[in-house]
Amino acid sequence: MSTKESSAEVCEEGVKYYGFSAVQHGQYMIGLESIGEIIDEIRTLHQEHWDETEVLYLDRPMDPDYEMFVSYEGNRRFVLFTVRDENENLVGDLGYYLGLSTHHAGLLQAKEDFFFITKEHRGGGVAKHFLRFAEDCLTKLGVKLIGMTDKSPCGGKSLRPFLESEGYKAVALAYIKEVK
């Protein structure tokens, strides 16, 4: 599928996870998966992501709490979108926490925790189609606000031009301090 509209149509007809089926984009399949079903596989992808971005500002090893992800997912508070290549290898992931806004009563929002595509699979528009598929599905779930992050302030590649081209607005710059 190559357009925002076509991936939305597939979301409406899908039946696998949250009622959405994967869509094809070139050699890639973009869809939703249960993190609990792919923990062993996703660890490698998370380590690659960590090594590329998180080590730029954190002096500690990666240690995700996958049980917490599974718990959040089971309570419909986390969704995982994935990209797989023609050999069904996991080459990208996009995870969102879902929750009600404390600033707008009754408004469901999604906050991205991670967005990553392996270096060898970047380009060719896969990130754009990946993000648009996620947006379409989140909208079908009732999400009204979607938050994304950009690690460029700590040395990662800037996503600002990409996110702004997709209609996102920069609203804050987050700071983190590791205390001992």
Protein backbone atom coordinates (compact mmCIF):
# COMPACT_ATOMS: atom_id res chain seq x y z
CA MET A 1 0.00 0.00 0.00
CA SER A 2 1.43 3.35 -0.88
CA THR A 3 -0.99 6.02 0.31
CA LYS A 4 -2.41 7.15 3.60
CA GLU A 5 -5.91 6.46 2.36
CA SER A 6 -5.18 2.88 1.31
CA SER A 7 -3.62 1.97 4.65
CA ALA A 8 -6.68 3.43 6.41
CA GLU A 9 -8.91 1.20 4.28
CA VAL A 10 -6.85 -1.83 5.26
CA CYS A 11 -7.10 -0.83 8.94
CA GLU A 12 -10.90 -0.85 8.68
CA GLU A 13 -10.95 -4.29 7.06
CA GLY A 14 -8.18 -5.89 9.13
CA VAL A 15 -8.73 -8.57 11.72
CA LYS A 16 -5.40 -9.60 13.30
CA TYR A 17 -4.54 -7.33 16.26
CA TYR A 18 -6.85 -4.62 17.57
CA GLY A 19 -8.79 -5.47 14.42
CA PHE A 20 -6.04 -4.26 12.02
CA SER A 21 -4.18 -6.26 9.38
CA ALA A 22 -0.70 -5.60 8.05
CA VAL A 23 -0.20 -3.67 4.82
CA GLN A 24 2.43 -4.09 2.15
CA HIS A 25 4.81 -1.27 1.21
CA GLY A 26 7.26 -2.46 -1.42
CA GLN A 27 9.23 -5.30 0.14
CA TYR A 28 7.96 -4.46 3.62
CA MET A 29 4.98 -5.52 5.72
CA ILE A 30 3.79 -2.88 8.15
CA GLY A 31 1.46 -3.93 10.92
CA LEU A 32 0.72 -4.31 14.61
CA GLU A 33 2.08 -7.12 16.72
CA SER A 34 1.94 -8.15 20.34
CA ILE A 35 5.21 -7.34 22.08
CA GLY A 36 4.60 -10.34 24.32
CA GLU A 37 4.77 -12.62 21.30
CA ILE A 38 8.04 -11.23 19.93
CA ILE A 39 10.13 -10.33 22.99
CA ASP A 40 13.14 -12.42 21.99
CA GLU A 41 13.09 -10.99 18.49
CA ILE A 42 12.60 -7.38 19.51
CA ARG A 43 15.48 -7.40 22.00
CA THR A 44 17.99 -7.28 19.15
CA LEU A 45 16.21 -4.36 17.50
CA HIS A 46 15.97 -2.49 20.80
CA GLN A 47 19.70 -3.02 21.41
CA GLU A 48 20.54 -1.62 17.97
CA HIS A 49 18.32 1.40 18.66
CA TRP A 50 19.85 1.88 22.11
CA ASP A 51 23.38 1.72 20.70
CA GLU A 52 22.55 4.36 18.10
CA THR A 53 20.71 6.91 20.24
CA GLU A 54 20.44 6.27 23.96
CA VAL A 55 24.17 5.85 24.66
CA LEU A 56 24.53 9.46 23.54
CA TYR A 57 23.06 10.66 26.84
CA LEU A 58 22.78 7.70 29.23
CA ASP A 59 25.68 5.97 30.92
CA ARG A 60 23.93 2.71 31.65
CA PRO A 61 23.18 -0.52 29.77
CA MET A 62 19.84 -1.24 28.14
CA ASP A 63 17.49 -3.11 30.46
CA PRO A 64 13.87 -2.90 29.23
CA ASP A 65 11.09 -4.14 31.48
CA TYR A 66 9.33 -6.34 28.93
CA GLU A 67 6.93 -7.65 31.58
CA MET A 68 5.73 -4.06 32.03
CA PHE A 69 5.26 -3.66 28.26
CA VAL A 70 3.21 -6.87 28.21
CA SER A 71 1.15 -5.69 31.18
CA TYR A 72 0.46 -2.30 29.56
CA GLU A 73 -0.40 -4.02 26.29
CA GLY A 74 -2.78 -6.38 28.07
CA ASN A 75 -4.53 -3.36 29.58
CA ARG A 76 -4.71 -1.62 26.19
CA ARG A 77 -2.24 1.02 27.31
CA PHE A 78 0.52 0.14 24.84
CA VAL A 79 0.55 -0.72 21.13
CA LEU A 80 3.43 -1.93 19.00
CA PHE A 81 3.67 -1.29 15.27
CA THR A 82 6.30 -3.20 13.30
CA VAL A 83 8.03 -3.32 9.94
CA ARG A 84 9.21 -6.64 8.53
CA ASP A 85 11.28 -7.22 5.40
CA GLU A 86 10.62 -9.73 2.63
CA ASN A 87 12.22 -12.48 4.78
CA GLU A 88 9.92 -11.58 7.71
CA ASN A 89 12.84 -10.15 9.70
CA LEU A 90 11.87 -7.43 12.17
CA VAL A 91 13.51 -4.24 10.84
CA GLY A 92 11.47 -1.49 12.51
CA ASP A 93 9.28 -0.77 15.51
CA LEU A 94 7.13 2.05 16.78
CA GLY A 95 5.72 1.80 20.29
CA TYR A 96 3.09 4.06 21.82
CA TYR A 97 1.66 4.39 25.30
CA LEU A 98 -2.08 5.09 25.25
CA GLY A 99 -3.79 7.09 27.94
CA LEU A 100 -6.35 9.71 28.74
CA SER A 101 -5.09 13.27 28.75
CA THR A 102 -4.99 15.00 32.12
CA HIS A 103 -5.31 18.35 30.33
CA HIS A 104 -8.36 17.50 28.19
CA ALA A 105 -10.95 15.34 29.95
CA GLY A 106 -11.90 12.23 28.01
CA LEU A 107 -9.30 12.77 25.26
CA LEU A 108 -7.30 9.66 24.33
CA GLN A 109 -3.69 10.32 23.41
CA ALA A 110 -0.74 8.25 22.22
CA LYS A 111 2.82 9.02 23.27
CA GLU A 112 5.64 7.42 21.31
CA ASP A 113 8.25 5.58 23.35
CA PHE A 114 10.40 4.37 20.48
CA PHE A 115 10.51 4.76 16.69
CA PHE A 116 13.29 2.92 14.91
CA ILE A 117 14.12 1.44 11.52
CA THR A 118 17.45 -0.31 11.04
CA LYS A 119 20.00 1.65 9.00
CA GLU A 120 19.96 -0.80 6.09
CA HIS A 121 16.20 -0.35 5.66
CA ARG A 122 15.96 3.43 5.86
CA GLY A 123 14.97 5.42 2.81
CA GLY A 124 12.46 4.70 0.10
CA GLY A 125 9.60 6.17 2.10
CA VAL A 126 9.19 3.28 4.55
CA ALA A 127 9.27 5.59 7.60
CA LYS A 128 6.53 7.79 6.13
CA HIS A 129 4.29 4.82 5.36
CA PHE A 130 5.07 3.26 8.72
CA LEU A 131 4.12 6.42 10.61
CA ARG A 132 0.98 6.97 8.53
CA PHE A 133 -0.18 3.40 9.10
CA ALA A 134 0.29 3.88 12.86
CA GLU A 135 -1.59 7.20 12.77
CA ASP A 136 -4.47 5.66 10.84
CA CYS A 137 -4.79 2.76 13.26
CA LEU A 138 -4.45 4.99 16.34
CA THR A 139 -7.18 7.23 14.95
CA LYS A 140 -9.44 4.19 14.54
CA LEU A 141 -8.78 3.39 18.20
CA GLY A 142 -10.07 6.84 19.14
CA VAL A 143 -6.75 8.63 19.67
CA LYS A 144 -7.01 12.41 19.19
CA LEU A 145 -3.44 13.51 19.99
CA ILE A 146 -0.21 11.74 18.98
CA GLY A 147 3.13 12.71 20.50
CA MET A 148 6.48 11.91 18.89
CA THR A 149 10.06 12.48 20.05
CA ASP A 150 13.28 13.53 18.34
CA LYS A 151 16.70 12.58 19.77
CA SER A 152 18.64 15.20 17.81
CA PRO A 153 19.34 17.36 20.90
CA CYS A 154 21.52 14.52 22.24
CA GLY A 155 23.23 13.77 18.93
CA GLY A 156 20.75 11.55 17.08
CA LYS A 157 19.62 12.27 13.56
CA SER A 158 17.01 15.02 13.50
CA LEU A 159 13.47 13.87 12.83
CA ARG A 160 12.17 17.42 12.94
CA PRO A 161 11.92 17.95 9.15
CA PHE A 162 10.26 14.55 8.72
CA LEU A 163 7.81 15.02 11.58
CA GLU A 164 6.93 18.56 10.55
CA SER A 165 6.31 17.36 6.97
CA GLU A 166 3.79 14.94 8.49
CA GLY A 167 1.97 17.72 10.35
CA TYR A 168 3.64 17.49 13.77
CA LYS A 169 4.56 20.64 15.71
CA ALA A 170 7.41 21.01 18.15
CA VAL A 171 5.84 21.85 21.52
CA ALA A 172 8.61 21.24 24.07
CA LEU A 173 12.22 20.26 24.47
CA ALA A 174 12.63 17.62 27.18
CA TYR A 175 15.58 17.48 29.54
CA ILE A 176 16.85 14.50 31.47
CA LYS A 177 19.34 14.24 34.30
CA GLU A 178 20.76 11.01 35.59
CA VAL A 179 21.11 11.26 39.36
CA LYS A 180 23.19 8.98 41.52
